[in-house]
Amino acid sequence: MNPSTDFIPFALPSLGPEEEEAVLAVLRSGWLTTGSVALQFEREFAAFVGAEHALAVNSATSGLHLALEALGVGSGDTVVTSPYTFASTAAVARHLGAEVAFCDVVPGGYNMDPRRLQETLEKTRNVRAVVPVHVGGLPCSMEEILDLAHRFGCAVVEDAAHSFPSRLPQGFAGTLGDIGVFSFYATKTITTSEGGMVVTSDSRLAKRMSTMRMHGIDRPVWDRYTSKTASWSYSVVEAGFKYNLPDLLAAVGREQLKKADRFLAERRQIAGIYGEAFKDLPFAEPPPDGPGHAWHLYSLRLRLDRLKVGRDEFVDRLRQAGVGTSVHFIPLHIMPYWSTRYGLSPEQFPQALVSFQRSVSLPIWQGMGADRARAVARTVIETGAGLSV
């Protein structure tokens, strides 16, 4: 493959005839929205990760909103999370009327720093929940985070949007806190095109989220249209949301779930090719690694003092050479909404800022294959060599 003529996109879903047949089966069934297929997807996902309860939702954002609402987060409360995440992780707290306190990431990495978390908890009032984000698929230091949260009386909601399937000795990332939220967005490690899953082992929280997920109705009512015995009657007991996952999308998710371990092996192969290629580069270094890494992202860290250009110009050069890239993430504390609301300066969270300034996410997707990975690695090396000081 010639990366100068064959563009390698940053991300592509890996879909086969199994997903097509599963969708066709739903189309032919006459029932398209949430029903038996979504319920079966929930059971299968719960069994896969070892959770007592799994609730399929239309996005991980919806799942995070449900999670914090079920925990009673509201006006007067504070939610602590990392600035190094996508907008929804923090926005859902504001939807509930709560405030957000940011905690910087570990030096040289992307995940919440437990030492900074302790400082944040010590100086912040009314913290109801901590939301660690497993950025790129590398699990956070959950033992330390859980210990701190428990000491300060906080719940833990894991933003596991990137970290499926991240296996750790103590269990899957996303199952270690009070609630975990996974994403099945089009670029994720498995996809339903849009969608997510919320898991918990707390039956009370699961019941609350189940009620609030579907308009605040007190029982599942989808089968009132398809069953001879189901009643048409129901009660609205809360002002709920509409966060359900349709059977059409759940059908794709069920097939993707069967392939999750194979997909993980493919991404690990790509990460290994990159790691070997980049281990001795003078102008860049591989991302952090560790137990349970799901390798949703591969964020190369540039050594900007050894390059003639900044990160943005480097990204442009890669694109011109045929490699699609992205940047994960623009820290929330430099976004206008958050910086204005809380009077934050870019330097206030220095580790998040420097990680953002020097990172570029390379293609790493199931179905990409070793040849494309080697082509990406060659292009990065050649581009960097031409721009090195």
Foldseek 3Di string as FASTA:
>chain_A
DALLVAFDAQFAADDDVQLVVLLVVCVVVPFWFDDDLQVVLFVVVCVVFVFPGKAKWQALLLVLLLLCVLLVQAAPAEEEEALQADPSNQVSSVVRNHHYDHAFCDFQARWGDLVSVLVCLVVDPRYAEYEIECPQQNDDPVVSVVVSCVVSVYFYEYACQAHPQQADPVTGRQAPTQKYKYWQDRLHLHHLNGIIMMGHNDPSSNQSSVCQQCQQKNDDDPCCVPDPPDDPDIDRPDRHDHTHGISSSSSSVVVRVVCSVVFQVQLVVLLVLLQVLAPPDPFWHWHDDDHRRSRSWTKIFTNVVFFQDWPVVLQVQSVSSNWHKDFRDDRNCPDVVNCVVVVGDLCPRPSSNNRRRGIITGRRGRVCDDVNSVSSSVSSRVSRVVGTD
